[in-house]
Amino acid sequence: MSKTRNYNADTLAVMERFFTALEACKQQKLIKAVTTYCNENGIDTPHFYTQRKDRTRGFFEIGWAVPLIRNCGVSARWLLTGVGSMFAE
């Protein structure tokens, strides 16, 4: 079990955008389901759900976001900085 982690404000913002983008991709049917996304991308599903529920947990990895960028068209710039639109144009 991961201990709580003191993420800085930038990391917390990236994490929030990641979870927002994941939900948007799910709504647009770019991904089937969260469990499928985790399984297809080597993300430990219990860690994902724990991190989504409690942002201070130490499970989040930036690698979780790479498939959203690569496969779903999420803008890396938006994901990392919050600048621009969620989806790359």
C-alpha atoms as a PDB file:
ATOM      1  CA  MET A   1       0.000   0.000   0.000  1.00  0.00           C
ATOM      2  CA  SER A   2       1.390   3.355  -0.991  1.00  0.00           C
ATOM      3  CA  LYS A   3       1.892   6.051   1.576  1.00  0.00           C
ATOM      4  CA  THR A   4       0.457   9.496   1.038  1.00  0.00           C
ATOM      5  CA  ARG A   5       2.677  11.733  -1.012  1.00  0.00           C
ATOM      6  CA  ASN A   6       3.158  15.468  -0.961  1.00  0.00           C
ATOM      7  CA  TYR A   7       2.691  16.246  -4.661  1.00  0.00           C
ATOM      8  CA  ASN A   8       3.424  19.803  -5.724  1.00  0.00           C
ATOM      9  CA  ALA A   9       0.693  21.983  -7.251  1.00  0.00           C
ATOM     10  CA  ASP A  10       1.849  21.355 -10.843  1.00  0.00           C
ATOM     11  CA  THR A  11       1.720  17.581 -10.427  1.00  0.00           C
ATOM     12  CA  LEU A  12      -1.724  17.766  -8.840  1.00  0.00           C
ATOM     13  CA  ALA A  13      -2.918  19.911 -11.760  1.00  0.00           C
ATOM     14  CA  VAL A  14      -1.564  17.413 -14.316  1.00  0.00           C
ATOM     15  CA  MET A  15      -3.242  14.618 -12.395  1.00  0.00           C
ATOM     16  CA  GLU A  16      -6.586  16.451 -12.413  1.00  0.00           C
ATOM     17  CA  ARG A  17      -6.325  17.071 -16.145  1.00  0.00           C
ATOM     18  CA  PHE A  18      -5.434  13.416 -16.704  1.00  0.00           C
ATOM     19  CA  PHE A  19      -8.555  12.189 -14.922  1.00  0.00           C
ATOM     20  CA  THR A  20     -10.672  14.826 -16.715  1.00  0.00           C
ATOM     21  CA  ALA A  21      -9.279  13.787 -20.110  1.00  0.00           C
ATOM     22  CA  LEU A  22      -9.792  10.117 -19.350  1.00  0.00           C
ATOM     23  CA  GLU A  23     -13.463  10.730 -18.587  1.00  0.00           C
ATOM     24  CA  ALA A  24     -13.840  12.816 -21.754  1.00  0.00           C
ATOM     25  CA  CYS A  25     -12.291  10.017 -23.823  1.00  0.00           C
ATOM     26  CA  LYS A  26     -14.614   7.525 -22.186  1.00  0.00           C
ATOM     27  CA  GLN A  27     -17.660   9.697 -22.966  1.00  0.00           C
ATOM     28  CA  GLN A  28     -16.522  10.078 -26.582  1.00  0.00           C
ATOM     29  CA  LYS A  29     -16.018   6.305 -26.763  1.00  0.00           C
ATOM     30  CA  LEU A  30     -12.308   6.682 -27.525  1.00  0.00           C
ATOM     31  CA  ILE A  31     -11.709   4.205 -24.719  1.00  0.00           C
ATOM     32  CA  LYS A  32     -14.063   1.380 -23.756  1.00  0.00           C
ATOM     33  CA  ALA A  33     -13.798   1.507 -19.980  1.00  0.00           C
ATOM     34  CA  VAL A  34     -11.327   2.476 -17.285  1.00  0.00           C
ATOM     35  CA  THR A  35     -10.531  -1.160 -16.506  1.00  0.00           C
ATOM     36  CA  THR A  36      -9.866  -1.849 -20.184  1.00  0.00           C
ATOM     37  CA  TYR A  37      -7.653   1.248 -20.412  1.00  0.00           C
ATOM     38  CA  CYS A  38      -5.664   0.085 -17.385  1.00  0.00           C
ATOM     39  CA  ASN A  39      -5.317  -3.495 -18.604  1.00  0.00           C
ATOM     40  CA  GLU A  40      -4.278  -2.514 -22.141  1.00  0.00           C
ATOM     41  CA  ASN A  41      -1.685  -0.062 -20.860  1.00  0.00           C
ATOM     42  CA  GLY A  42      -0.106  -1.953 -17.972  1.00  0.00           C
ATOM     43  CA  ILE A  43      -1.630   0.210 -15.243  1.00  0.00           C
ATOM     44  CA  ASP A  44      -2.387  -1.528 -11.958  1.00  0.00           C
ATOM     45  CA  THR A  45      -6.166  -1.079 -11.759  1.00  0.00           C
ATOM     46  CA  PRO A  46      -6.407  -0.955  -7.933  1.00  0.00           C
ATOM     47  CA  HIS A  47      -3.665   1.701  -7.910  1.00  0.00           C
ATOM     48  CA  PHE A  48      -5.572   3.693 -10.542  1.00  0.00           C
ATOM     49  CA  TYR A  49      -8.825   3.639  -8.565  1.00  0.00           C
ATOM     50  CA  THR A  50      -7.047   4.457  -5.301  1.00  0.00           C
ATOM     51  CA  GLN A  51      -5.263   7.412  -6.906  1.00  0.00           C
ATOM     52  CA  ARG A  52      -8.474   8.670  -8.514  1.00  0.00           C
ATOM     53  CA  LYS A  53     -10.218   8.593  -5.144  1.00  0.00           C
ATOM     54  CA  ASP A  54      -7.340  10.098  -3.136  1.00  0.00           C
ATOM     55  CA  ARG A  55      -5.000  12.352  -5.095  1.00  0.00           C
ATOM     56  CA  THR A  56      -2.405  12.313  -2.308  1.00  0.00           C
ATOM     57  CA  ARG A  57      -1.610   8.644  -2.834  1.00  0.00           C
ATOM     58  CA  GLY A  58       1.761   7.944  -4.395  1.00  0.00           C
ATOM     59  CA  PHE A  59       0.684   5.750  -7.304  1.00  0.00           C
ATOM     60  CA  PHE A  60       0.311   8.277 -10.135  1.00  0.00           C
ATOM     61  CA  GLU A  61       2.813   8.018 -12.979  1.00  0.00           C
ATOM     62  CA  ILE A  62       2.993  10.327 -15.977  1.00  0.00           C
ATOM     63  CA  GLY A  63       3.195   7.196 -18.122  1.00  0.00           C
ATOM     64  CA  TRP A  64      -0.490   6.640 -17.403  1.00  0.00           C
ATOM     65  CA  ALA A  65      -1.222   9.625 -19.665  1.00  0.00           C
ATOM     66  CA  VAL A  66       0.884   8.596 -22.659  1.00  0.00           C
ATOM     67  CA  PRO A  67      -1.820   6.368 -24.218  1.00  0.00           C
ATOM     68  CA  LEU A  68      -4.307   9.253 -24.002  1.00  0.00           C
ATOM     69  CA  ILE A  69      -1.882  11.393 -25.979  1.00  0.00           C
ATOM     70  CA  ARG A  70      -0.789   8.694 -28.412  1.00  0.00           C
ATOM     71  CA  ASN A  71      -4.081   6.911 -29.031  1.00  0.00           C
ATOM     72  CA  CYS A  72      -6.874   9.350 -28.170  1.00  0.00           C
ATOM     73  CA  GLY A  73      -5.517  12.664 -29.418  1.00  0.00           C
ATOM     74  CA  VAL A  74      -5.279  14.390 -26.040  1.00  0.00           C
ATOM     75  CA  SER A  75      -2.985  17.390 -26.290  1.00  0.00           C
ATOM     76  CA  ALA A  76       0.273  16.870 -24.389  1.00  0.00           C
ATOM     77  CA  ARG A  77       0.586  20.639 -24.047  1.00  0.00           C
ATOM     78  CA  TRP A  78      -2.840  20.899 -22.462  1.00  0.00           C
ATOM     79  CA  LEU A  79      -2.224  17.899 -20.225  1.00  0.00           C
ATOM     80  CA  LEU A  80       1.050  19.266 -18.874  1.00  0.00           C
ATOM     81  CA  THR A  81       0.305  22.996 -18.789  1.00  0.00           C
ATOM     82  CA  GLY A  82      -3.438  23.481 -19.031  1.00  0.00           C
ATOM     83  CA  VAL A  83      -2.870  25.751 -22.053  1.00  0.00           C
ATOM     84  CA  GLY A  84      -4.872  25.234 -25.240  1.00  0.00           C
ATOM     85  CA  SER A  85      -7.634  22.738 -25.885  1.00  0.00           C
ATOM     86  CA  MET A  86      -7.896  19.268 -24.414  1.00  0.00           C
ATOM     87  CA  PHE A  87      -7.647  17.582 -27.792  1.00  0.00           C
ATOM     88  CA  ALA A  88      -4.841  18.231 -30.262  1.00  0.00           C
ATOM     89  CA  GLU A  89      -5.895  19.928 -33.445  1.00  0.00           C
END
